[in-house]
PDB file of N, CA and C in Angstrom:
ATOM      1  N   UNK A   1      13.319 117.149   5.226  1.00  0.00           N
ATOM      2  CA  UNK A   1      12.486 116.006   5.574  1.00  0.00           C
ATOM      3  C   UNK A   1      12.723 115.657   7.046  1.00  0.00           C
ATOM      4  N   UNK A   2      11.661 115.293   7.717  1.00  0.00           N
ATOM      5  CA  UNK A   2      11.759 114.954   9.138  1.00  0.00           C
ATOM      6  C   UNK A   2      12.269 113.536   9.323  1.00  0.00           C
ATOM      7  N   UNK A   3      13.178 113.367  10.276  1.00  0.00           N
ATOM      8  CA  UNK A   3      13.691 112.047  10.625  1.00  0.00           C
ATOM      9  C   UNK A   3      12.926 111.568  11.859  1.00  0.00           C
ATOM     10  N   UNK A   4      11.733 111.046  11.636  1.00  0.00           N
ATOM     11  CA  UNK A   4      10.867 110.688  12.764  1.00  0.00           C
ATOM     12  C   UNK A   4      11.336 109.442  13.514  1.00  0.00           C
ATOM     13  N   UNK A   5      12.199 108.666  12.901  1.00  0.00           N
ATOM     14  CA  UNK A   5      12.691 107.451  13.571  1.00  0.00           C
ATOM     15  C   UNK A   5      13.521 107.779  14.813  1.00  0.00           C
ATOM     16  N   UNK A   6      14.202 108.913  14.764  1.00  0.00           N
ATOM     17  CA  UNK A   6      15.087 109.277  15.870  1.00  0.00           C
ATOM     18  C   UNK A   6      14.492 110.345  16.786  1.00  0.00           C
ATOM     19  N   UNK A   7      13.208 110.616  16.659  1.00  0.00           N
ATOM     20  CA  UNK A   7      12.574 111.641  17.486  1.00  0.00           C
ATOM     21  C   UNK A   7      11.926 111.016  18.708  1.00  0.00           C
ATOM     22  N   UNK A   8      11.971 111.755  19.796  1.00  0.00           N
ATOM     23  CA  UNK A   8      11.291 111.297  21.006  1.00  0.00           C
ATOM     24  C   UNK A   8       9.787 111.530  20.849  1.00  0.00           C
ATOM     25  N   UNK A   9       9.044 110.931  21.732  1.00  0.00           N
ATOM     26  CA  UNK A   9       7.594 111.093  21.713  1.00  0.00           C
ATOM     27  C   UNK A   9       7.225 112.566  21.860  1.00  0.00           C
ATOM     28  N   UNK A  10       7.908 113.270  22.717  1.00  0.00           N
ATOM     29  CA  UNK A  10       7.645 114.694  22.942  1.00  0.00           C
ATOM     30  C   UNK A  10       7.939 115.517  21.692  1.00  0.00           C
ATOM     31  N   UNK A  11       9.056 115.184  21.019  1.00  0.00           N
ATOM     32  CA  UNK A  11       9.401 115.896  19.788  1.00  0.00           C
ATOM     33  C   UNK A  11       8.357 115.648  18.699  1.00  0.00           C
ATOM     34  N   UNK A  12       7.875 114.419  18.617  1.00  0.00           N
ATOM     35  CA  UNK A  12       6.836 114.098  17.636  1.00  0.00           C
ATOM     36  C   UNK A  12       5.554 114.878  17.925  1.00  0.00           C
ATOM     37  N   UNK A  13       5.173 114.927  19.204  1.00  0.00           N
ATOM     38  CA  UNK A  13       3.971 115.666  19.586  1.00  0.00           C
ATOM     39  C   UNK A  13       4.125 117.150  19.287  1.00  0.00           C
ATOM     40  N   UNK A  14       5.311 117.705  19.539  1.00  0.00           N
ATOM     41  CA  UNK A  14       5.591 119.108  19.231  1.00  0.00           C
ATOM     42  C   UNK A  14       5.467 119.372  17.734  1.00  0.00           C
ATOM     43  N   UNK A  15       6.052 118.472  16.962  1.00  0.00           N
ATOM     44  CA  UNK A  15       6.017 118.621  15.502  1.00  0.00           C
ATOM     45  C   UNK A  15       4.586 118.546  14.987  1.00  0.00           C
ATOM     46  N   UNK A  16       3.812 117.617  15.507  1.00  0.00           N
ATOM     47  CA  UNK A  16       2.405 117.486  15.103  1.00  0.00           C
ATOM     48  C   UNK A  16       1.637 118.749  15.447  1.00  0.00           C
ATOM     49  N   UNK A  17       1.834 119.262  16.656  1.00  0.00           N
ATOM     50  CA  UNK A  17       1.149 120.488  17.080  1.00  0.00           C
ATOM     51  C   UNK A  17       1.525 121.662  16.174  1.00  0.00           C
ATOM     52  N   UNK A  18       2.805 121.754  15.829  1.00  0.00           N
ATOM     53  CA  UNK A  18       3.278 122.838  14.955  1.00  0.00           C
ATOM     54  C   UNK A  18       2.644 122.737  13.568  1.00  0.00           C
ATOM     55  N   UNK A  19       2.601 121.525  13.015  1.00  0.00           N
ATOM     56  CA  UNK A  19       2.000 121.328  11.690  1.00  0.00           C
ATOM     57  C   UNK A  19       0.505 121.632  11.706  1.00  0.00           C
ATOM     58  N   UNK A  20      -0.183 121.246  12.765  1.00  0.00           N
ATOM     59  CA  UNK A  20      -1.606 121.538  12.875  1.00  0.00           C
ATOM     60  C   UNK A  20      -1.854 123.042  12.969  1.00  0.00           C
ATOM     61  N   UNK A  21      -1.006 123.743  13.703  1.00  0.00           N
ATOM     62  CA  UNK A  21      -1.130 125.200  13.823  1.00  0.00           C
ATOM     63  C   UNK A  21      -0.898 125.865  12.476  1.00  0.00           C
ATOM     64  N   UNK A  22       0.081 125.386  11.723  1.00  0.00           N
ATOM     65  CA  UNK A  22       0.358 125.933  10.391  1.00  0.00           C
ATOM     66  C   UNK A  22      -0.828 125.708   9.461  1.00  0.00           C
ATOM     67  N   UNK A  23      -1.434 124.540   9.574  1.00  0.00           N
ATOM     68  CA  UNK A  23      -2.582 124.218   8.717  1.00  0.00           C
ATOM     69  C   UNK A  23      -3.740 125.176   9.002  1.00  0.00           C
ATOM     70  N   UNK A  24      -3.964 125.494  10.283  1.00  0.00           N
ATOM     71  CA  UNK A  24      -5.043 126.401  10.660  1.00  0.00           C
ATOM     72  C   UNK A  24      -4.780 127.827  10.181  1.00  0.00           C
ATOM     73  N   UNK A  25      -3.507 128.180  10.004  1.00  0.00           N
ATOM     74  CA  UNK A  25      -3.139 129.526   9.590  1.00  0.00           C
ATOM     75  C   UNK A  25      -3.293 129.750   8.089  1.00  0.00           C
ATOM     76  N   UNK A  26      -3.505 128.699   7.328  1.00  0.00           N
ATOM     77  CA  UNK A  26      -3.624 128.843   5.877  1.00  0.00           C
ATOM     78  C   UNK A  26      -4.818 129.737   5.539  1.00  0.00           C
ATOM     79  N   UNK A  27      -4.648 130.555   4.523  1.00  0.00           N
ATOM     80  CA  UNK A  27      -5.754 131.430   4.144  1.00  0.00           C
ATOM     81  C   UNK A  27      -6.953 130.631   3.637  1.00  0.00           C
ATOM     82  N   UNK A  28      -8.148 131.088   3.989  1.00  0.00           N
ATOM     83  CA  UNK A  28      -9.375 130.398   3.601  1.00  0.00           C
ATOM     84  C   UNK A  28      -9.973 130.970   2.320  1.00  0.00           C
ATOM     85  N   UNK A  29      -9.455 132.102   1.868  1.00  0.00           N
ATOM     86  CA  UNK A  29     -10.037 132.731   0.689  1.00  0.00           C
ATOM     87  C   UNK A  29      -9.645 131.978  -0.578  1.00  0.00           C
ATOM     88  N   UNK A  30     -10.404 132.214  -1.620  1.00  0.00           N
ATOM     89  CA  UNK A  30     -10.133 131.614  -2.916  1.00  0.00           C
ATOM     90  C   UNK A  30      -9.001 132.370  -3.595  1.00  0.00           C
ATOM     91  N   UNK A  31      -8.186 131.643  -4.337  1.00  0.00           N
ATOM     92  CA  UNK A  31      -7.172 132.299  -5.150  1.00  0.00           C
ATOM     93  C   UNK A  31      -6.915 131.464  -6.400  1.00  0.00           C
ATOM     94  N   UNK A  32      -6.368 132.116  -7.420  1.00  0.00           N
ATOM     95  CA  UNK A  32      -6.164 131.478  -8.720  1.00  0.00           C
ATOM     96  C   UNK A  32      -4.694 131.468  -9.097  1.00  0.00           C
ATOM     97  N   UNK A  33      -4.353 130.470  -9.897  1.00  0.00           N
ATOM     98  CA  UNK A  33      -3.018 130.371 -10.486  1.00  0.00           C
ATOM     99  C   UNK A  33      -3.182 129.841 -11.907  1.00  0.00           C
ATOM    100  N   UNK A  34      -2.251 130.208 -12.770  1.00  0.00           N
ATOM    101  CA  UNK A  34      -2.213 129.632 -14.109  1.00  0.00           C
ATOM    102  C   UNK A  34      -1.275 128.434 -14.044  1.00  0.00           C
ATOM    103  N   UNK A  35      -1.765 127.290 -14.501  1.00  0.00           N
ATOM    104  CA  UNK A  35      -0.973 126.064 -14.450  1.00  0.00           C
ATOM    105  C   UNK A  35       0.094 126.059 -15.539  1.00  0.00           C
ATOM    106  N   UNK A  36       1.004 125.107 -15.461  1.00  0.00           N
ATOM    107  CA  UNK A  36       2.072 124.967 -16.449  1.00  0.00           C
ATOM    108  C   UNK A  36       1.518 124.693 -17.846  1.00  0.00           C
ATOM    109  N   UNK A  37       0.328 124.089 -17.908  1.00  0.00           N
ATOM    110  CA  UNK A  37      -0.287 123.771 -19.200  1.00  0.00           C
ATOM    111  C   UNK A  37      -1.207 124.880 -19.702  1.00  0.00           C
ATOM    112  N   UNK A  38      -1.257 125.993 -18.980  1.00  0.00           N
ATOM    113  CA  UNK A  38      -2.044 127.129 -19.447  1.00  0.00           C
ATOM    114  C   UNK A  38      -3.504 127.120 -19.039  1.00  0.00           C
ATOM    115  N   UNK A  39      -3.844 126.383 -18.009  1.00  0.00           N
ATOM    116  CA  UNK A  39      -5.210 126.368 -17.487  1.00  0.00           C
ATOM    117  C   UNK A  39      -5.229 127.175 -16.191  1.00  0.00           C
ATOM    118  N   UNK A  40      -6.407 127.586 -15.758  1.00  0.00           N
ATOM    119  CA  UNK A  40      -6.520 128.302 -14.497  1.00  0.00           C
ATOM    120  C   UNK A  40      -6.999 127.347 -13.411  1.00  0.00           C
ATOM    121  N   UNK A  41      -6.270 127.350 -12.298  1.00  0.00           N
ATOM    122  CA  UNK A  41      -6.635 126.526 -11.149  1.00  0.00           C
ATOM    123  C   UNK A  41      -7.195 127.431 -10.064  1.00  0.00           C
ATOM    124  N   UNK A  42      -8.365 127.060  -9.552  1.00  0.00           N
ATOM    125  CA  UNK A  42      -9.019 127.787  -8.472  1.00  0.00           C
ATOM    126  C   UNK A  42      -8.797 127.008  -7.185  1.00  0.00           C
ATOM    127  N   UNK A  43      -8.112 127.639  -6.243  1.00  0.00           N
ATOM    128  CA  UNK A  43      -7.777 127.003  -4.965  1.00  0.00           C
ATOM    129  C   UNK A  43      -8.679 127.546  -3.852  1.00  0.00           C
ATOM    130  N   UNK A  44      -8.850 126.732  -2.815  1.00  0.00           N
ATOM    131  CA  UNK A  44      -9.570 127.181  -1.637  1.00  0.00           C
ATOM    132  C   UNK A  44     -10.963 126.601  -1.488  1.00  0.00           C
ATOM    133  N   UNK A  45     -11.392 125.780  -2.432  1.00  0.00           N
ATOM    134  CA  UNK A  45     -12.710 125.157  -2.323  1.00  0.00           C
ATOM    135  C   UNK A  45     -12.653 123.835  -1.583  1.00  0.00           C
ATOM    136  N   UNK A  46     -11.587 123.125  -1.746  1.00  0.00           N
ATOM    137  CA  UNK A  46     -11.432 121.816  -1.125  1.00  0.00           C
ATOM    138  C   UNK A  46      -9.975 121.434  -1.099  1.00  0.00           C
ATOM    139  N   UNK A  47      -9.728 120.165  -0.979  1.00  0.00           N
ATOM    140  CA  UNK A  47      -8.348 119.687  -0.882  1.00  0.00           C
ATOM    141  C   UNK A  47      -7.573 119.914  -2.174  1.00  0.00           C
ATOM    142  N   UNK A  48      -8.248 119.763  -3.303  1.00  0.00           N
ATOM    143  CA  UNK A  48      -7.605 119.914  -4.599  1.00  0.00           C
ATOM    144  C   UNK A  48      -8.188 121.103  -5.335  1.00  0.00           C
ATOM    145  N   UNK A  49      -7.412 121.719  -6.220  1.00  0.00           N
ATOM    146  CA  UNK A  49      -7.938 122.855  -6.985  1.00  0.00           C
ATOM    147  C   UNK A  49      -8.898 122.406  -8.078  1.00  0.00           C
ATOM    148  N   UNK A  50      -9.715 123.338  -8.529  1.00  0.00           N
ATOM    149  CA  UNK A  50     -10.568 123.127  -9.699  1.00  0.00           C
ATOM    150  C   UNK A  50      -9.815 123.764 -10.860  1.00  0.00           C
ATOM    151  N   UNK A  51      -9.476 122.966 -11.863  1.00  0.00           N
ATOM    152  CA  UNK A  51      -8.664 123.464 -12.971  1.00  0.00           C
ATOM    153  C   UNK A  51      -9.417 123.317 -14.280  1.00  0.00           C
ATOM    154  N   UNK A  52      -9.582 124.434 -14.960  1.00  0.00           N
ATOM    155  CA  UNK A  52     -10.243 124.466 -16.262  1.00  0.00           C
ATOM    156  C   UNK A  52      -9.461 125.386 -17.189  1.00  0.00           C
ATOM    157  N   UNK A  53      -9.611 125.168 -18.490  1.00  0.00           N
ATOM    158  CA  UNK A  53      -8.998 126.053 -19.472  1.00  0.00           C
ATOM    159  C   UNK A  53      -9.860 127.293 -19.660  1.00  0.00           C
ATOM    160  N   UNK A  54      -9.295 128.300 -20.286  1.00  0.00           N
ATOM    161  CA  UNK A  54      -9.945 129.604 -20.462  1.00  0.00           C
ATOM    162  C   UNK A  54     -11.379 129.470 -20.990  1.00  0.00           C
ATOM    163  N   UNK A  55     -11.549 128.727 -22.085  1.00  0.00           N
ATOM    164  CA  UNK A  55     -12.884 128.592 -22.686  1.00  0.00           C
ATOM    165  C   UNK A  55     -13.863 127.909 -21.732  1.00  0.00           C
ATOM    166  N   UNK A  56     -13.374 126.978 -20.944  1.00  0.00           N
ATOM    167  CA  UNK A  56     -14.237 126.303 -19.979  1.00  0.00           C
ATOM    168  C   UNK A  56     -14.680 127.267 -18.887  1.00  0.00           C
ATOM    169  N   UNK A  57     -13.763 128.111 -18.386  1.00  0.00           N
ATOM    170  CA  UNK A  57     -14.139 129.108 -17.385  1.00  0.00           C
ATOM    171  C   UNK A  57     -15.152 130.083 -17.967  1.00  0.00           C
ATOM    172  N   UNK A  58     -14.983 130.452 -19.243  1.00  0.00           N
ATOM    173  CA  UNK A  58     -15.925 131.360 -19.883  1.00  0.00           C
ATOM    174  C   UNK A  58     -17.329 130.754 -19.921  1.00  0.00           C
ATOM    175  N   UNK A  59     -17.419 129.455 -20.217  1.00  0.00           N
ATOM    176  CA  UNK A  59     -18.724 128.760 -20.230  1.00  0.00           C
ATOM    177  C   UNK A  59     -19.353 128.762 -18.842  1.00  0.00           C
ATOM    178  N   UNK A  60     -18.535 128.471 -17.838  1.00  0.00           N
ATOM    179  CA  UNK A  60     -19.047 128.445 -16.462  1.00  0.00           C
ATOM    180  C   UNK A  60     -19.555 129.829 -16.071  1.00  0.00           C
ATOM    181  N   UNK A  61     -18.757 130.855 -16.334  1.00  0.00           N
ATOM    182  CA  UNK A  61     -19.139 132.220 -15.961  1.00  0.00           C
ATOM    183  C   UNK A  61     -20.368 132.701 -16.721  1.00  0.00           C
ATOM    184  N   UNK A  62     -20.527 132.274 -17.961  1.00  0.00           N
ATOM    185  CA  UNK A  62     -21.708 132.650 -18.739  1.00  0.00           C
ATOM    186  C   UNK A  62     -22.967 131.970 -18.205  1.00  0.00           C
ATOM    187  N   UNK A  63     -22.790 130.904 -17.456  1.00  0.00           N
ATOM    188  CA  UNK A  63     -23.922 130.140 -16.930  1.00  0.00           C
ATOM    189  C   UNK A  63     -24.181 130.387 -15.459  1.00  0.00           C
ATOM    190  N   UNK A  64     -23.608 131.416 -14.881  1.00  0.00           N
ATOM    191  CA  UNK A  64     -23.742 131.673 -13.444  1.00  0.00           C
ATOM    192  C   UNK A  64     -25.203 131.772 -13.023  1.00  0.00           C
ATOM    193  N   UNK A  65     -26.018 132.462 -13.789  1.00  0.00           N
ATOM    194  CA  UNK A  65     -27.436 132.599 -13.423  1.00  0.00           C
ATOM    195  C   UNK A  65     -28.144 131.252 -13.407  1.00  0.00           C
ATOM    196  N   UNK A  66     -27.877 130.414 -14.414  1.00  0.00           N
ATOM    197  CA  UNK A  66     -28.497 129.082 -14.457  1.00  0.00           C
ATOM    198  C   UNK A  66     -28.015 128.208 -13.300  1.00  0.00           C
ATOM    199  N   UNK A  67     -26.732 128.289 -12.999  1.00  0.00           N
ATOM    200  CA  UNK A  67     -26.179 127.497 -11.901  1.00  0.00           C
ATOM    201  C   UNK A  67     -26.763 127.948 -10.564  1.00  0.00           C
ATOM    202  N   UNK A  68     -26.852 129.257 -10.364  1.00  0.00           N
ATOM    203  CA  UNK A  68     -27.428 129.798  -9.136  1.00  0.00           C
ATOM    204  C   UNK A  68     -28.880 129.372  -8.980  1.00  0.00           C
ATOM    205  N   UNK A  69     -29.630 129.445 -10.053  1.00  0.00           N
ATOM    206  CA  UNK A  69     -31.034 129.034 -10.015  1.00  0.00           C
ATOM    207  C   UNK A  69     -31.147 127.545  -9.682  1.00  0.00           C
ATOM    208  N   UNK A  70     -30.327 126.719 -10.314  1.00  0.00           N
ATOM    209  CA  UNK A  70     -30.332 125.283 -10.038  1.00  0.00           C
ATOM    210  C   UNK A  70     -30.016 125.010  -8.573  1.00  0.00           C
ATOM    211  N   UNK A  71     -29.009 125.697  -8.044  1.00  0.00           N
ATOM    212  CA  UNK A  71     -28.641 125.512  -6.638  1.00  0.00           C
ATOM    213  C   UNK A  71     -29.806 125.835  -5.711  1.00  0.00           C
ATOM    214  N   UNK A  72     -30.457 126.941  -5.964  1.00  0.00           N
ATOM    215  CA  UNK A  72     -31.584 127.345  -5.109  1.00  0.00           C
ATOM    216  C   UNK A  72     -32.751 126.373  -5.224  1.00  0.00           C
ATOM    217  N   UNK A  73     -33.050 125.922  -6.430  1.00  0.00           N
ATOM    218  CA  UNK A  73     -34.169 125.001  -6.636  1.00  0.00           C
ATOM    219  C   UNK A  73     -33.912 123.634  -6.013  1.00  0.00           C
ATOM    220  N   UNK A  74     -32.662 123.257  -5.882  1.00  0.00           N
ATOM    221  CA  UNK A  74     -32.316 121.926  -5.384  1.00  0.00           C
ATOM    222  C   UNK A  74     -31.597 121.953  -4.033  1.00  0.00           C
ATOM    223  N   UNK A  75     -31.712 123.064  -3.340  1.00  0.00           N
ATOM    224  CA  UNK A  75     -31.002 123.267  -2.076  1.00  0.00           C
ATOM    225  C   UNK A  75     -31.247 122.136  -1.077  1.00  0.00           C
ATOM    226  N   UNK A  76     -32.451 121.653  -1.002  1.00  0.00           N
ATOM    227  CA  UNK A  76     -32.801 120.626  -0.011  1.00  0.00           C
ATOM    228  C   UNK A  76     -32.122 119.288  -0.287  1.00  0.00           C
ATOM    229  N   UNK A  77     -31.683 119.058  -1.512  1.00  0.00           N
ATOM    230  CA  UNK A  77     -31.061 117.791  -1.882  1.00  0.00           C
ATOM    231  C   UNK A  77     -29.573 117.747  -1.606  1.00  0.00           C
ATOM    232  N   UNK A  78     -28.951 118.906  -1.368  1.00  0.00           N
ATOM    233  CA  UNK A  78     -27.509 118.948  -1.169  1.00  0.00           C
ATOM    234  C   UNK A  78     -27.139 118.596   0.256  1.00  0.00           C
ATOM    235  N   UNK A  79     -26.022 117.889   0.400  1.00  0.00           N
ATOM    236  CA  UNK A  79     -25.500 117.638   1.736  1.00  0.00           C
ATOM    237  C   UNK A  79     -24.660 118.843   2.130  1.00  0.00           C
ATOM    238  N   UNK A  80     -24.614 119.104   3.421  1.00  0.00           N
ATOM    239  CA  UNK A  80     -23.877 120.252   3.933  1.00  0.00           C
ATOM    240  C   UNK A  80     -22.671 119.728   4.685  1.00  0.00           C
ATOM    241  N   UNK A  81     -21.504 120.214   4.293  1.00  0.00           N
ATOM    242  CA  UNK A  81     -20.258 119.791   4.948  1.00  0.00           C
ATOM    243  C   UNK A  81     -20.017 120.672   6.155  1.00  0.00           C
ATOM    244  N   UNK A  82     -19.816 120.049   7.301  1.00  0.00           N
ATOM    245  CA  UNK A  82     -19.484 120.786   8.513  1.00  0.00           C
ATOM    246  C   UNK A  82     -18.130 120.328   8.996  1.00  0.00           C
ATOM    247  N   UNK A  83     -17.432 121.190   9.698  1.00  0.00           N
ATOM    248  CA  UNK A  83     -16.093 120.832  10.195  1.00  0.00           C
ATOM    249  C   UNK A  83     -16.157 119.925  11.367  1.00  0.00           C
TER     250      UNK A  83
END
């Protein structure tokens, strides 16, 4: 843990720069993990993972065509996130 109370302004700025550089180095690709409760978490979409159980993922995957069609039909209504 960082002891920021005893750090100089320069040390704080260095630490911030280092943390920002580390954040930029994080992989942008999607990856999965099995949670402690036996669900699959999908990371890389946003700040938090999307976690569903096996049967829920199966439902989502079986509906890919419907979801894709819905996305295309409603494309103009979606907001676009930019950095």
